[in-house]
Amino acid sequence: MLLPLGLIDKVEWLTPLIVALAAYPLFTLDEIGAELQNPFSPRNLSHLPLKNICINIQANVMSLLSKQKLNVSEQAVEIPQETEELEEN
């Protein structure tokens, strides 16, 4: 807050420009920090589309589960045959 008063004697009419150049990165960092504190808020313009991400994950998991059920049902037929061979030895 005292930067403009300390610069006014040395740079005179450039004081507002130098203060703006010093303040811009500080305000930008403050804004980035506020964004990082709550990245999932729908009020922010750059919020994460969580609903779309969740729907995509759900569809992928359901697809994997349906494929896995098919593989498990095929393996279930083979398992009793393998156990019979083990019991004979």
N, C-alpha and C. Protein backbone atom coordinates (compact mmCIF):
# COMPACT_ATOMS: atom_id res chain seq x y z
N MET A 1 0.82 -1.20 0.00
CA MET A 1 0.00 0.00 0.00
C MET A 1 0.86 1.25 0.00
N LEU A 2 2.08 1.16 0.46
CA LEU A 2 2.94 2.32 0.49
C LEU A 2 3.81 2.45 -0.75
N LEU A 3 3.69 1.52 -1.68
CA LEU A 3 4.51 1.55 -2.89
C LEU A 3 4.34 2.85 -3.68
N PRO A 4 3.12 3.32 -3.92
CA PRO A 4 3.00 4.59 -4.68
C PRO A 4 3.67 5.77 -3.98
N LEU A 5 3.58 5.82 -2.67
CA LEU A 5 4.20 6.94 -1.95
C LEU A 5 5.72 6.87 -2.01
N GLY A 6 6.27 5.66 -2.02
CA GLY A 6 7.72 5.52 -2.10
C GLY A 6 8.26 5.78 -3.49
N LEU A 7 7.45 5.58 -4.50
CA LEU A 7 7.91 5.77 -5.88
C LEU A 7 7.68 7.17 -6.42
N ILE A 8 6.79 7.91 -5.83
CA ILE A 8 6.37 9.18 -6.42
C ILE A 8 7.54 10.17 -6.57
N ASP A 9 8.50 10.13 -5.66
CA ASP A 9 9.64 11.05 -5.76
C ASP A 9 10.61 10.63 -6.86
N LYS A 10 10.70 9.35 -7.13
CA LYS A 10 11.71 8.86 -8.08
C LYS A 10 11.20 8.76 -9.51
N VAL A 11 9.96 8.31 -9.71
CA VAL A 11 9.47 8.09 -11.07
C VAL A 11 8.36 9.05 -11.47
N GLU A 12 7.90 9.85 -10.58
CA GLU A 12 6.90 10.89 -10.79
C GLU A 12 5.67 10.40 -11.55
N TRP A 13 5.52 10.75 -12.81
CA TRP A 13 4.28 10.46 -13.54
C TRP A 13 4.16 8.99 -13.96
N LEU A 14 5.23 8.19 -13.85
CA LEU A 14 5.17 6.76 -14.15
C LEU A 14 4.69 5.92 -12.96
N THR A 15 4.46 6.58 -11.83
CA THR A 15 4.04 5.85 -10.63
C THR A 15 2.80 4.99 -10.86
N PRO A 16 1.72 5.50 -11.49
CA PRO A 16 0.55 4.64 -11.70
C PRO A 16 0.85 3.41 -12.56
N LEU A 17 1.69 3.57 -13.58
CA LEU A 17 2.05 2.45 -14.43
C LEU A 17 2.84 1.39 -13.66
N ILE A 18 3.80 1.80 -12.88
CA ILE A 18 4.63 0.86 -12.12
C ILE A 18 3.78 0.16 -11.04
N VAL A 19 2.89 0.89 -10.40
CA VAL A 19 2.02 0.28 -9.40
C VAL A 19 1.08 -0.73 -10.06
N ALA A 20 0.57 -0.41 -11.23
CA ALA A 20 -0.30 -1.35 -11.95
C ALA A 20 0.47 -2.60 -12.35
N LEU A 21 1.71 -2.43 -12.81
CA LEU A 21 2.53 -3.58 -13.19
C LEU A 21 2.87 -4.46 -11.98
N ALA A 22 2.99 -3.87 -10.82
CA ALA A 22 3.28 -4.64 -9.61
C ALA A 22 2.01 -5.29 -9.06
N ALA A 23 0.87 -4.62 -9.22
CA ALA A 23 -0.38 -5.12 -8.63
C ALA A 23 -1.01 -6.22 -9.47
N TYR A 24 -0.86 -6.18 -10.77
CA TYR A 24 -1.52 -7.16 -11.64
C TYR A 24 -1.14 -8.60 -11.30
N PRO A 25 0.15 -8.95 -11.17
CA PRO A 25 0.48 -10.34 -10.81
C PRO A 25 -0.07 -10.74 -9.44
N LEU A 26 -0.08 -9.79 -8.51
CA LEU A 26 -0.60 -10.11 -7.18
C LEU A 26 -2.10 -10.40 -7.21
N PHE A 27 -2.86 -9.59 -7.93
CA PHE A 27 -4.30 -9.84 -8.05
C PHE A 27 -4.58 -11.13 -8.83
N THR A 28 -3.74 -11.42 -9.82
CA THR A 28 -3.89 -12.64 -10.59
C THR A 28 -3.65 -13.87 -9.72
N LEU A 29 -2.60 -13.83 -8.92
CA LEU A 29 -2.32 -14.94 -8.00
C LEU A 29 -3.45 -15.12 -6.99
N ASP A 30 -4.01 -14.03 -6.52
CA ASP A 30 -5.14 -14.12 -5.59
C ASP A 30 -6.34 -14.78 -6.25
N GLU A 31 -6.60 -14.44 -7.49
CA GLU A 31 -7.73 -15.03 -8.23
C GLU A 31 -7.49 -16.51 -8.50
N ILE A 32 -6.27 -16.89 -8.84
CA ILE A 32 -5.94 -18.30 -9.06
C ILE A 32 -6.13 -19.08 -7.76
N GLY A 33 -5.71 -18.52 -6.65
CA GLY A 33 -5.89 -19.18 -5.36
C GLY A 33 -7.35 -19.39 -5.02
N ALA A 34 -8.17 -18.40 -5.30
CA ALA A 34 -9.61 -18.53 -5.05
C ALA A 34 -10.22 -19.61 -5.94
N GLU A 35 -9.76 -19.73 -7.17
CA GLU A 35 -10.26 -20.76 -8.09
C GLU A 35 -9.84 -22.15 -7.63
N LEU A 36 -8.62 -22.28 -7.13
CA LEU A 36 -8.12 -23.58 -6.68
C LEU A 36 -8.77 -24.04 -5.38
N GLN A 37 -9.29 -23.13 -4.60
CA GLN A 37 -9.94 -23.51 -3.35
C GLN A 37 -11.22 -24.28 -3.59
N ASN A 38 -11.91 -24.00 -4.68
CA ASN A 38 -13.17 -24.66 -4.95
C ASN A 38 -13.31 -24.92 -6.46
N PRO A 39 -12.58 -25.93 -6.99
CA PRO A 39 -12.61 -26.15 -8.43
C PRO A 39 -13.91 -26.78 -8.94
N PHE A 40 -14.74 -27.34 -8.04
CA PHE A 40 -15.94 -28.05 -8.46
C PHE A 40 -17.20 -27.19 -8.41
N SER A 41 -17.06 -25.93 -8.12
CA SER A 41 -18.21 -25.05 -8.00
C SER A 41 -18.79 -24.71 -9.37
N PRO A 42 -20.09 -24.92 -9.56
CA PRO A 42 -20.70 -24.56 -10.85
C PRO A 42 -20.81 -23.05 -11.05
N ARG A 43 -20.57 -22.27 -9.99
CA ARG A 43 -20.64 -20.81 -10.12
C ARG A 43 -19.43 -20.26 -10.88
N ASN A 44 -18.32 -21.00 -10.88
CA ASN A 44 -17.14 -20.56 -11.61
C ASN A 44 -17.32 -20.83 -13.09
N LEU A 45 -16.74 -19.99 -13.91
CA LEU A 45 -16.86 -20.17 -15.35
C LEU A 45 -16.08 -21.38 -15.84
N SER A 46 -15.00 -21.71 -15.15
CA SER A 46 -14.15 -22.81 -15.60
C SER A 46 -14.33 -24.05 -14.72
N HIS A 47 -15.54 -24.26 -14.22
CA HIS A 47 -15.76 -25.41 -13.35
C HIS A 47 -15.66 -26.71 -14.14
N LEU A 48 -15.36 -27.77 -13.42
CA LEU A 48 -15.25 -29.08 -14.07
C LEU A 48 -16.64 -29.63 -14.35
N PRO A 49 -16.87 -30.21 -15.52
CA PRO A 49 -18.18 -30.78 -15.84
C PRO A 49 -18.36 -32.14 -15.17
N LEU A 50 -18.55 -32.15 -13.86
CA LEU A 50 -18.58 -33.40 -13.11
C LEU A 50 -19.72 -34.31 -13.54
N LYS A 51 -20.86 -33.75 -13.87
CA LYS A 51 -21.99 -34.59 -14.26
C LYS A 51 -21.65 -35.39 -15.52
N ASN A 52 -21.06 -34.73 -16.51
CA ASN A 52 -20.66 -35.42 -17.74
C ASN A 52 -19.57 -36.45 -17.49
N ILE A 53 -18.62 -36.11 -16.62
CA ILE A 53 -17.55 -37.04 -16.29
C ILE A 53 -18.11 -38.27 -15.60
N CYS A 54 -19.03 -38.08 -14.66
CA CYS A 54 -19.63 -39.20 -13.93
C CYS A 54 -20.45 -40.10 -14.86
N ILE A 55 -21.18 -39.51 -15.77
CA ILE A 55 -21.98 -40.30 -16.71
C ILE A 55 -21.05 -41.13 -17.60
N ASN A 56 -19.95 -40.53 -18.03
CA ASN A 56 -18.98 -41.24 -18.87
C ASN A 56 -18.34 -42.40 -18.10
N ILE A 57 -17.96 -42.16 -16.85
CA ILE A 57 -17.37 -43.21 -16.03
C ILE A 57 -18.37 -44.34 -15.81
N GLN A 58 -19.62 -43.98 -15.52
CA GLN A 58 -20.65 -44.99 -15.30
C GLN A 58 -20.85 -45.85 -16.55
N ALA A 59 -20.90 -45.23 -17.70
CA ALA A 59 -21.07 -45.98 -18.95
C ALA A 59 -19.89 -46.92 -19.19
N ASN A 60 -18.68 -46.45 -18.92
CA ASN A 60 -17.49 -47.29 -19.11
C ASN A 60 -17.49 -48.47 -18.14
N VAL A 61 -17.85 -48.23 -16.87
CA VAL A 61 -17.87 -49.30 -15.88
C VAL A 61 -18.94 -50.33 -16.23
N MET A 62 -20.11 -49.85 -16.63
CA MET A 62 -21.18 -50.79 -17.00
C MET A 62 -20.77 -51.62 -18.21
N SER A 63 -20.08 -51.01 -19.16
CA SER A 63 -19.60 -51.74 -20.32
C SER A 63 -18.59 -52.81 -19.91
N LEU A 64 -17.67 -52.45 -19.02
CA LEU A 64 -16.69 -53.42 -18.53
C LEU A 64 -17.35 -54.55 -17.75
N LEU A 65 -18.35 -54.20 -16.93
CA LEU A 65 -19.04 -55.23 -16.15
C LEU A 65 -19.80 -56.20 -17.04
N SER A 66 -20.43 -55.69 -18.08
CA SER A 66 -21.16 -56.58 -18.98
C SER A 66 -20.20 -57.52 -19.72
N LYS A 67 -19.03 -57.02 -20.11
CA LYS A 67 -18.03 -57.86 -20.74
C LYS A 67 -17.49 -58.89 -19.76
N GLN A 68 -17.30 -58.47 -18.51
CA GLN A 68 -16.77 -59.36 -17.49
C GLN A 68 -17.78 -60.47 -17.17
N LYS A 69 -19.08 -60.15 -17.15
CA LYS A 69 -20.10 -61.16 -16.89
C LYS A 69 -20.10 -62.21 -17.98
N LEU A 70 -19.89 -61.79 -19.23
CA LEU A 70 -19.81 -62.75 -20.32
C LEU A 70 -18.61 -63.68 -20.14
N ASN A 71 -17.47 -63.13 -19.76
CA ASN A 71 -16.27 -63.94 -19.54
C ASN A 71 -16.44 -64.86 -18.35
N VAL A 72 -17.05 -64.40 -17.29
CA VAL A 72 -17.26 -65.22 -16.10
C VAL A 72 -18.20 -66.37 -16.42
N SER A 73 -19.25 -66.13 -17.19
CA SER A 73 -20.18 -67.21 -17.52
C SER A 73 -19.51 -68.25 -18.40
N GLU A 74 -18.58 -67.85 -19.27
CA GLU A 74 -17.85 -68.81 -20.08
C GLU A 74 -16.87 -69.61 -19.22
N GLN A 75 -16.25 -68.97 -18.26
CA GLN A 75 -15.31 -69.64 -17.39
C GLN A 75 -16.03 -70.55 -16.39
N ALA A 76 -17.24 -70.21 -16.02
CA ALA A 76 -17.99 -71.01 -15.06
C ALA A 76 -18.25 -72.40 -15.61
N VAL A 77 -18.37 -72.53 -16.90
CA VAL A 77 -18.59 -73.83 -17.52
C VAL A 77 -17.30 -74.66 -17.44
N GLU A 78 -16.15 -74.03 -17.55
CA GLU A 78 -14.88 -74.73 -17.56
C GLU A 78 -14.42 -75.11 -16.16
N ILE A 79 -14.79 -74.41 -15.15
CA ILE A 79 -14.29 -74.64 -13.79
C ILE A 79 -14.65 -76.04 -13.28
N PRO A 80 -15.88 -76.54 -13.40
CA PRO A 80 -16.16 -77.88 -12.91
C PRO A 80 -15.34 -78.94 -13.62
N GLN A 81 -15.06 -78.79 -14.86
CA GLN A 81 -14.25 -79.76 -15.59
C GLN A 81 -12.83 -79.80 -15.04
N GLU A 82 -12.27 -78.68 -14.72
CA GLU A 82 -10.92 -78.62 -14.17
C GLU A 82 -10.87 -79.25 -12.80
N THR A 83 -11.89 -79.03 -11.97
CA THR A 83 -11.89 -79.59 -10.61
C THR A 83 -12.04 -81.11 -10.66
N GLU A 84 -12.76 -81.63 -11.63
CA GLU A 84 -12.90 -83.08 -11.75
C GLU A 84 -11.55 -83.69 -12.10
N GLU A 85 -10.79 -83.07 -12.96
CA GLU A 85 -9.46 -83.57 -13.33
C GLU A 85 -8.54 -83.55 -12.13
N LEU A 86 -8.63 -82.51 -11.31
CA LEU A 86 -7.76 -82.42 -10.11
C LEU A 86 -8.12 -83.50 -9.10
N GLU A 87 -9.40 -83.80 -8.94
CA GLU A 87 -9.83 -84.80 -7.98
C GLU A 87 -9.38 -86.20 -8.40
N GLU A 88 -9.27 -86.48 -9.68
CA GLU A 88 -8.85 -87.78 -10.17
C GLU A 88 -7.36 -88.01 -9.89
N ASN A 89 -6.54 -86.95 -9.87
CA ASN A 89 -5.10 -87.09 -9.64
C ASN A 89 -4.89 -87.20 -8.18
